[in-house]
Amino acid sequence: MTHPVIEFSGLSHSYGSKALRRQVLFDLSGRFDPGEIVIVKGPSGSGKTTFLTLIGGLRATQEGQISVLGQRLDGTSAQQRLQIRRHIGFIFQMHNLIGALTATQNLLMALRLHPEIPAPAKAARDLLEQVGLSHALDKYPREMSGGERQRVAIARALVTRPKIVLADEPTASLDGKTGKMVVELLRDLASQNGSAVLMVTHDARILDTGDRVLEMEDGRIRAA
């Protein structure tokens, strides 16, 4: 029997307090399995990004249970969640690259936490070349276009070979050809490493690349 990479039940979340309290997620339950690509779509404000940050341990669980790679997230400290996040690759709309480091150095910084990966310099260069950045290995973020910075961020998330990839609009700033290439890289990672990939997207071009599509509306999962 396949054990889920991510499992959650009764997951609810609110912002604010007292009269200003607003619930954004309502009693979500489900699971994601190794090697599975799941796409989450839905209108702005439906709770997609909040859901992603809870699954990734970037936000404390308020109600319900979350298990990631066999470890419970609910009830854990910020330090415990940090340790779990070492096994997760994050791709966000804001690239969050370190401006003082080149593209290669940004990847090497991520690899410092993963001494088990051999030849880190080669791994960084190889992956940057895979995303079409062989010309930008030594460029700084300020010297790149928005699409190039996004590709560096994607390469940084994948270079550590994470067991889970959480991606928020990973293809939003990419042209069709590059977006397809990035999705293929994510599919290869899922296939080769047994990684689960969860993508939040509005990009209709990539909806057919997932094994499942979940639709969120008003903080609830409407379809699977």
Foldseek 3Di string as FASTA:
>chain_A
DFDFQKWWFQAWDWDDDDPPIDTQAGTDTDTHTFLFEEEEEEDPSLCPVVVLCPQLLVDAGDDTWMAHRNRTRHPDDSVVSVVSNLQEQEQELPLPFDQVAFLLVSLVVNCVVPPVDPPSSVLSQVQLVLLPNNVRRRPGPVPDDSQSSLSSSLSSSPSSLHQEYEYEASCVPPDPVSSVSSLVVVSCSSVPVSHYYYYYHPDPSCPVVGPYYWYGGSNYTDGD
